Amino acid sequence: MFISTAISLTFFAGTLLAYTPFVFAGVLRDAGASFSWSYRICFIVLAVIACAAMLIPTFLLKEKEFVDTVPSNVNMFKSLASTFKNKDFRVFVGSDIMYWVGLTLFQTGLPFFVKVSMEIDESYTMYFMGGMTVLSAAFYPFVAGLVKKYGKKKLTIAGFLGLALAYVVTALIRVIPAIPGIVFGVLICVIAAFPMALLGIIPQSIVADVAEAEGVVTGENREGMFFAARTFAMKWGQSIAMLVFTSLAIIGTTQNRNANEITASSLGLMIVAFVAVGFCVIGAAILMLYNEKRVMGIIGNKEPIAAGEGEIPVQSEDPAMSEIEEETIEENAEADTQKDE
């Protein structure tokens, strides 16, 4: 859980850093830079920071001190296919794609929600994201305790529904004109903070659980492939979200083909928010098919189990063994006795 927490925290910190151009671009324009160069300078700086951050683990992390690297005899495509044969992982990936679509719709649309729907300065984008990140981080210490009490599956579903609620509030910004836009912004940040904490930490841990259980079943350690497949699902969800957002946000507007940015409408943004709600609800529904008890039971057993089709076998939840299991054990015992004789 600690590693999942650290990954989530750095992800949101990086996202917050990505929104800083909305503030510093204005400062550069006041200093005399043009509109285009005010953003170009900010993105060049971010690109340099990102490059340095990616190179740090490459040169400073001594991998051999943490893992025993054993060359694999299976090529990448066969390993990836074996990874997706795992039923519980397929369920998780389907749910995870819905999460990334919903999250990316919100993150991509946030500057537009601030400027068009809330009708306030776009610099508030960073303030809202920063506030939500800090508030979400404040909930991080409680997530591990909640997982022990309620389990990862229930909390992740709760995170989906909480995020859906935040998107419903986002969709209602222009529906209730009596409430100032900045109030909506603060309300959205408060509602979304806790679900962001849950969904930022727990899914990473679920992948680790499924990968560990698969290792117990097959005797092969393919954790890297599981996380690579999860990253692929993340990129897929983000790509879908970008396509959906740019298609829906422009509803009811006339686009300037000579401009480098889209013109969003309040109607289009409302539709985007409701679509994000739909993706979150679908994600929660898909995750209900995830068999957490089976996965955690295998991890607790820690003994290799023969599995067919690369799927994790169903474990008996009753302490008493089934008749088939008892017969198998008796047969094996008789065979061992005969060998001894």
Protein backbone atom coordinates (compact mmCIF):
# COMPACT_ATOMS: atom_id res chain seq x y z
CA MET A 1 0.00 0.00 0.00
CA PHE A 2 2.90 2.36 0.69
CA ILE A 3 4.20 2.14 -2.88
CA SER A 4 0.68 2.63 -4.27
CA THR A 5 0.26 5.67 -2.03
CA ALA A 6 3.58 7.15 -3.17
CA ILE A 7 2.74 6.58 -6.84
CA SER A 8 -0.67 8.22 -6.41
CA LEU A 9 0.77 11.20 -4.55
CA THR A 10 3.45 11.83 -7.18
CA PHE A 11 0.87 11.42 -9.96
CA PHE A 12 -1.36 14.15 -8.56
CA ALA A 13 1.67 16.31 -7.77
CA GLY A 14 2.75 16.00 -11.39
CA THR A 15 -0.76 16.79 -12.57
CA LEU A 16 -0.77 19.89 -10.39
CA LEU A 17 2.57 20.92 -11.89
CA ALA A 18 1.09 20.48 -15.37
CA TYR A 19 -1.55 23.10 -14.59
CA THR A 20 0.99 25.78 -13.59
CA PRO A 21 1.18 27.27 -17.13
CA PHE A 22 -2.30 28.73 -16.59
CA VAL A 23 -0.76 30.91 -13.88
CA PHE A 24 2.78 31.55 -15.13
CA ALA A 25 1.73 32.18 -18.74
CA GLY A 26 -0.11 35.27 -17.52
CA VAL A 27 2.99 36.42 -15.66
CA LEU A 28 5.09 36.02 -18.81
CA ARG A 29 2.55 37.95 -20.87
CA ASP A 30 2.70 40.79 -18.36
CA ALA A 31 6.47 40.73 -18.83
CA GLY A 32 6.06 41.23 -22.58
CA ALA A 33 5.84 37.70 -24.02
CA SER A 34 3.25 36.94 -26.67
CA PHE A 35 0.30 34.67 -25.95
CA SER A 36 1.78 31.68 -27.81
CA TRP A 37 5.29 32.09 -26.39
CA SER A 38 3.99 32.52 -22.85
CA TYR A 39 2.72 28.94 -23.02
CA ARG A 40 5.61 27.61 -25.07
CA ILE A 41 8.13 28.75 -22.46
CA CYS A 42 6.12 27.09 -19.69
CA PHE A 43 5.85 23.80 -21.57
CA ILE A 44 9.56 23.82 -22.46
CA VAL A 45 10.38 24.16 -18.76
CA LEU A 46 7.94 21.34 -17.90
CA ALA A 47 9.47 19.14 -20.61
CA VAL A 48 12.96 19.61 -19.16
CA ILE A 49 11.71 18.82 -15.65
CA ALA A 50 9.90 15.72 -16.93
CA CYS A 51 12.97 14.50 -18.80
CA ALA A 52 15.16 14.89 -15.72
CA ALA A 53 12.57 13.15 -13.52
CA MET A 54 12.40 10.15 -15.89
CA LEU A 55 16.20 9.84 -16.05
CA ILE A 56 16.69 9.88 -12.27
CA PRO A 57 15.50 6.27 -11.63
CA THR A 58 17.30 5.07 -14.76
CA PHE A 59 20.71 6.06 -13.39
CA LEU A 60 20.19 6.05 -9.62
CA LEU A 61 17.94 3.05 -8.99
CA LYS A 62 19.94 -0.16 -8.53
CA GLU A 63 17.42 -2.74 -9.66
CA LYS A 64 19.49 -5.80 -8.74
CA GLU A 65 19.34 -4.82 -5.07
CA PHE A 66 15.56 -5.24 -5.05
CA VAL A 67 14.79 -8.13 -7.41
CA ASP A 68 16.33 -11.28 -8.79
CA THR A 69 16.24 -10.79 -12.53
CA VAL A 70 15.72 -14.07 -14.36
CA PRO A 71 15.65 -14.05 -18.19
CA SER A 72 12.26 -15.11 -19.56
CA ASN A 73 11.87 -17.76 -22.24
CA VAL A 74 8.46 -16.39 -23.28
CA ASN A 75 8.25 -13.55 -25.78
CA MET A 76 6.42 -10.33 -24.99
CA PHE A 77 3.23 -11.06 -26.93
CA LYS A 78 2.74 -14.52 -25.40
CA SER A 79 3.36 -13.07 -21.95
CA LEU A 80 0.85 -10.28 -22.60
CA ALA A 81 -1.71 -12.81 -23.87
CA SER A 82 -1.19 -14.94 -20.75
CA THR A 83 -1.69 -11.84 -18.62
CA PHE A 84 -5.07 -11.09 -20.18
CA LYS A 85 -6.18 -14.71 -19.76
CA ASN A 86 -6.51 -13.94 -16.08
CA LYS A 87 -10.24 -13.34 -15.56
CA ASP A 88 -9.91 -11.08 -12.53
CA PHE A 89 -7.33 -8.95 -14.31
CA ARG A 90 -9.62 -8.58 -17.34
CA VAL A 91 -12.39 -7.39 -15.03
CA PHE A 92 -10.04 -4.93 -13.37
CA VAL A 93 -8.75 -3.59 -16.70
CA GLY A 94 -12.29 -3.03 -17.97
CA SER A 95 -13.13 -1.09 -14.83
CA ASP A 96 -9.82 0.78 -14.91
CA ILE A 97 -10.39 1.99 -18.47
CA MET A 98 -13.71 3.48 -17.36
CA TYR A 99 -11.91 5.22 -14.48
CA TRP A 100 -9.29 6.77 -16.73
CA VAL A 101 -11.90 7.93 -19.24
CA GLY A 102 -13.90 9.61 -16.47
CA LEU A 103 -10.86 11.12 -14.76
CA THR A 104 -9.31 12.41 -18.00
CA LEU A 105 -12.61 13.95 -19.11
CA PHE A 106 -12.61 15.94 -15.88
CA GLN A 107 -8.93 16.89 -15.93
CA THR A 108 -9.02 17.88 -19.61
CA GLY A 109 -12.22 19.80 -19.15
CA LEU A 110 -11.28 21.56 -15.91
CA PRO A 111 -9.84 24.69 -17.58
CA PHE A 112 -12.99 24.90 -19.73
CA PHE A 113 -15.30 24.31 -16.76
CA VAL A 114 -13.53 27.15 -14.95
CA LYS A 115 -13.53 29.62 -17.84
CA VAL A 116 -16.81 28.79 -19.62
CA SER A 117 -19.12 27.23 -17.03
CA MET A 118 -17.96 29.00 -13.86
CA GLU A 119 -17.10 32.21 -15.76
CA ILE A 120 -14.00 32.95 -13.70
CA ASP A 121 -10.35 33.43 -14.61
CA GLU A 122 -8.59 30.30 -15.92
CA SER A 123 -5.82 30.73 -13.34
CA TYR A 124 -8.28 29.24 -10.82
CA THR A 125 -7.71 25.92 -12.60
CA MET A 126 -4.44 25.45 -10.75
CA TYR A 127 -5.92 26.64 -7.46
CA PHE A 128 -8.78 24.14 -7.66
CA MET A 129 -6.50 21.29 -8.71
CA GLY A 130 -4.01 22.22 -6.00
CA GLY A 131 -6.69 22.39 -3.34
CA MET A 132 -8.14 19.06 -4.41
CA THR A 133 -4.68 17.46 -4.43
CA VAL A 134 -3.80 18.72 -0.95
CA LEU A 135 -7.18 17.72 0.47
CA SER A 136 -6.94 14.31 -1.21
CA ALA A 137 -3.44 13.78 0.22
CA ALA A 138 -4.85 14.52 3.68
CA PHE A 139 -7.05 11.42 3.33
CA TYR A 140 -4.16 9.16 2.28
CA PRO A 141 -3.18 8.05 5.81
CA PHE A 142 -6.71 6.74 6.40
CA VAL A 143 -6.97 4.64 3.24
CA ALA A 144 -4.86 1.72 4.52
CA GLY A 145 -6.99 1.43 7.65
CA LEU A 146 -10.21 1.54 5.63
CA VAL A 147 -8.88 -1.18 3.30
CA LYS A 148 -8.29 -3.50 6.27
CA LYS A 149 -11.85 -2.92 7.47
CA TYR A 150 -13.87 -2.85 4.24
CA GLY A 151 -11.63 -4.39 1.57
CA LYS A 152 -10.29 -2.91 -1.65
CA LYS A 153 -13.20 -3.79 -3.91
CA LYS A 154 -15.89 -2.02 -1.87
CA LEU A 155 -13.78 1.10 -1.38
CA THR A 156 -12.92 1.32 -5.09
CA ILE A 157 -16.61 1.09 -6.00
CA ALA A 158 -17.32 3.79 -3.41
CA GLY A 159 -14.60 5.90 -5.05
CA PHE A 160 -16.27 5.51 -8.44
CA LEU A 161 -19.64 6.61 -7.07
CA GLY A 162 -18.10 9.54 -5.18
CA LEU A 163 -16.36 10.73 -8.32
CA ALA A 164 -19.63 10.39 -10.22
CA LEU A 165 -21.28 12.65 -7.62
CA ALA A 166 -18.58 15.29 -8.17
CA TYR A 167 -19.25 15.16 -11.91
CA VAL A 168 -22.99 15.57 -11.34
CA VAL A 169 -22.25 18.77 -9.41
CA THR A 170 -20.00 19.87 -12.29
CA ALA A 171 -22.84 19.34 -14.75
CA LEU A 172 -25.16 21.54 -12.67
CA ILE A 173 -22.92 24.63 -12.68
CA ARG A 174 -25.02 26.62 -15.16
CA VAL A 175 -28.28 24.97 -14.15
CA ILE A 176 -28.30 26.79 -10.79
CA PRO A 177 -27.19 30.33 -11.70
CA ALA A 178 -27.87 31.66 -8.19
CA ILE A 179 -24.73 29.91 -6.91
CA PRO A 180 -21.45 31.62 -7.91
CA GLY A 181 -19.08 29.62 -10.08
CA ILE A 182 -16.27 29.74 -7.53
CA VAL A 183 -18.56 28.11 -4.95
CA PHE A 184 -19.18 25.26 -7.38
CA GLY A 185 -15.43 24.93 -7.85
CA VAL A 186 -14.78 24.62 -4.12
CA LEU A 187 -17.67 22.18 -3.73
CA ILE A 188 -16.37 19.96 -6.53
CA CYS A 189 -12.88 19.90 -4.99
CA VAL A 190 -14.25 18.90 -1.58
CA ILE A 191 -16.48 16.15 -2.98
CA ALA A 192 -13.84 14.72 -5.33
CA ALA A 193 -10.92 14.74 -2.86
CA PHE A 194 -11.76 11.55 -0.97
CA PRO A 195 -12.73 9.49 -4.05
CA MET A 196 -9.48 10.65 -5.68
CA ALA A 197 -7.57 9.33 -2.68
CA LEU A 198 -9.30 5.94 -2.92
CA LEU A 199 -8.93 5.60 -6.68
CA GLY A 200 -5.40 6.91 -6.65
CA ILE A 201 -4.10 4.27 -4.23
CA ILE A 202 -6.22 1.13 -4.29
CA PRO A 203 -6.22 0.18 -8.02
CA GLN A 204 -2.41 -0.07 -8.01
CA SER A 205 -2.67 -2.39 -5.03
CA ILE A 206 -5.30 -4.53 -6.76
CA VAL A 207 -2.97 -5.04 -9.72
CA ALA A 208 -0.24 -6.15 -7.30
CA ASP A 209 -2.64 -8.60 -5.64
CA VAL A 210 -3.74 -10.16 -8.94
CA ALA A 211 -0.13 -10.41 -10.13
CA GLU A 212 0.96 -12.05 -6.88
CA ALA A 213 -1.93 -14.51 -7.00
CA GLU A 214 -1.08 -15.36 -10.60
CA GLY A 215 2.50 -16.00 -9.54
CA VAL A 216 1.31 -18.42 -6.84
CA VAL A 217 -0.87 -20.26 -9.36
CA THR A 218 1.56 -20.49 -12.28
CA GLY A 219 4.91 -20.26 -10.53
CA GLU A 220 5.88 -17.45 -12.92
CA ASN A 221 6.59 -13.92 -11.74
CA ARG A 222 5.15 -11.55 -14.34
CA GLU A 223 4.37 -8.53 -12.18
CA GLY A 224 6.03 -6.22 -14.69
CA MET A 225 3.73 -7.39 -17.47
CA PHE A 226 0.64 -6.86 -15.30
CA PHE A 227 1.63 -3.28 -14.55
CA ALA A 228 2.58 -2.71 -18.19
CA ALA A 229 -0.86 -3.96 -19.25
CA ARG A 230 -2.45 -1.65 -16.70
CA THR A 231 -0.48 1.28 -18.12
CA PHE A 232 -1.70 0.33 -21.58
CA ALA A 233 -5.27 0.39 -20.28
CA MET A 234 -4.61 3.81 -18.76
CA LYS A 235 -3.35 5.20 -22.08
CA TRP A 236 -6.29 3.67 -23.88
CA GLY A 237 -8.74 5.28 -21.46
CA GLN A 238 -7.02 8.66 -21.77
CA SER A 239 -7.10 8.47 -25.57
CA ILE A 240 -10.82 7.65 -25.57
CA ALA A 241 -11.44 10.54 -23.19
CA MET A 242 -9.64 13.04 -25.42
CA LEU A 243 -11.70 11.92 -28.40
CA VAL A 244 -14.94 12.09 -26.43
CA PHE A 245 -14.17 15.49 -24.92
CA THR A 246 -13.23 17.20 -28.17
CA SER A 247 -16.32 15.73 -29.83
CA LEU A 248 -18.83 16.75 -27.15
CA ALA A 249 -17.45 19.99 -25.70
CA ILE A 250 -17.89 21.87 -28.99
CA ILE A 251 -21.62 21.10 -29.31
CA GLY A 252 -23.50 24.32 -30.04
CA THR A 253 -20.43 26.33 -31.09
CA THR A 254 -18.79 27.45 -34.31
CA GLN A 255 -15.08 26.60 -34.39
CA ASN A 256 -12.37 28.91 -35.67
CA ARG A 257 -10.35 26.67 -37.99
CA ASN A 258 -7.39 29.05 -37.85
CA ALA A 259 -7.12 28.78 -34.05
CA ASN A 260 -5.09 26.20 -32.14
CA GLU A 261 -7.70 25.69 -29.43
CA ILE A 262 -11.30 24.53 -29.37
CA THR A 263 -14.22 26.71 -28.38
CA ALA A 264 -16.34 24.90 -25.80
CA SER A 265 -19.95 25.63 -24.96
CA SER A 266 -21.70 25.36 -21.60
CA LEU A 267 -24.10 22.81 -23.12
CA GLY A 268 -21.25 20.71 -24.46
CA LEU A 269 -19.44 20.81 -21.12
CA MET A 270 -22.60 19.74 -19.31
CA ILE A 271 -22.89 16.75 -21.63
CA VAL A 272 -19.22 15.93 -21.02
CA ALA A 273 -19.81 15.93 -17.26
CA PHE A 274 -22.82 13.61 -17.52
CA VAL A 275 -20.89 11.29 -19.84
CA ALA A 276 -18.12 11.15 -17.23
CA VAL A 277 -20.77 10.18 -14.67
CA GLY A 278 -21.83 7.33 -16.96
CA PHE A 279 -18.28 6.03 -17.31
CA CYS A 280 -17.78 6.06 -13.53
CA VAL A 281 -21.01 4.16 -12.92
CA ILE A 282 -20.08 1.59 -15.57
CA GLY A 283 -16.64 1.24 -13.99
CA ALA A 284 -18.23 0.52 -10.61
CA ALA A 285 -20.60 -2.03 -12.17
CA ILE A 286 -17.75 -3.86 -13.92
CA LEU A 287 -15.64 -3.99 -10.76
CA MET A 288 -18.47 -5.78 -8.95
CA LEU A 289 -17.45 -8.86 -10.99
CA TYR A 290 -13.96 -8.84 -9.43
CA ASN A 291 -13.53 -11.80 -7.06
CA GLU A 292 -11.47 -10.27 -4.28
CA LYS A 293 -12.00 -13.17 -1.86
CA ARG A 294 -10.56 -15.66 -4.35
CA VAL A 295 -7.49 -13.54 -5.09
CA MET A 296 -6.73 -12.82 -1.45
CA GLY A 297 -7.36 -16.47 -0.57
CA ILE A 298 -4.69 -17.60 -3.02
CA ILE A 299 -2.23 -15.03 -1.71
CA GLY A 300 -2.90 -16.24 1.83
CA ASN A 301 -2.36 -19.84 0.77
CA LYS A 302 1.02 -19.08 -0.84
CA GLU A 303 1.24 -22.54 -2.39
CA PRO A 304 1.45 -23.24 -6.13
CA ILE A 305 -1.91 -24.36 -7.51
CA ALA A 306 -2.51 -25.91 -10.91
CA ALA A 307 -4.70 -23.61 -12.94
CA GLY A 308 -6.31 -24.00 -16.33
CA GLU A 309 -6.51 -21.37 -19.03
CA GLY A 310 -4.24 -19.09 -17.00
CA GLU A 311 -7.14 -18.16 -14.72
CA ILE A 312 -7.06 -18.14 -10.97
CA PRO A 313 -8.95 -21.18 -9.68
CA VAL A 314 -11.88 -20.80 -7.33
CA GLN A 315 -10.93 -21.50 -3.75
CA SER A 316 -13.37 -22.99 -1.29
CA GLU A 317 -14.40 -20.37 1.23
CA ASP A 318 -15.61 -23.08 3.63
CA PRO A 319 -12.82 -24.42 5.89
CA ALA A 320 -14.18 -27.89 5.31
CA MET A 321 -12.85 -29.38 2.06
CA SER A 322 -15.17 -30.51 -0.67
CA GLU A 323 -15.64 -34.21 -1.36
CA ILE A 324 -13.63 -33.98 -4.58
CA GLU A 325 -10.70 -32.39 -2.76
CA GLU A 326 -10.81 -35.08 -0.08
CA GLU A 327 -10.87 -37.87 -2.66
CA THR A 328 -7.90 -36.34 -4.47
CA ILE A 329 -5.89 -36.13 -1.25
CA GLU A 330 -6.75 -39.73 -0.35
CA GLU A 331 -5.68 -40.96 -3.78
CA ASN A 332 -2.39 -39.07 -3.53
CA ALA A 333 -1.79 -40.48 -0.06
CA GLU A 334 -2.42 -44.04 -1.24
CA ALA A 335 -0.02 -43.52 -4.16
CA ASP A 336 2.67 -42.23 -1.79
CA THR A 337 2.14 -45.26 0.50
CA GLN A 338 2.53 -47.68 -2.39
CA LYS A 339 5.75 -45.95 -3.45
CA ASP A 340 7.12 -46.24 0.08
CA GLU A 341 6.29 -49.96 0.19
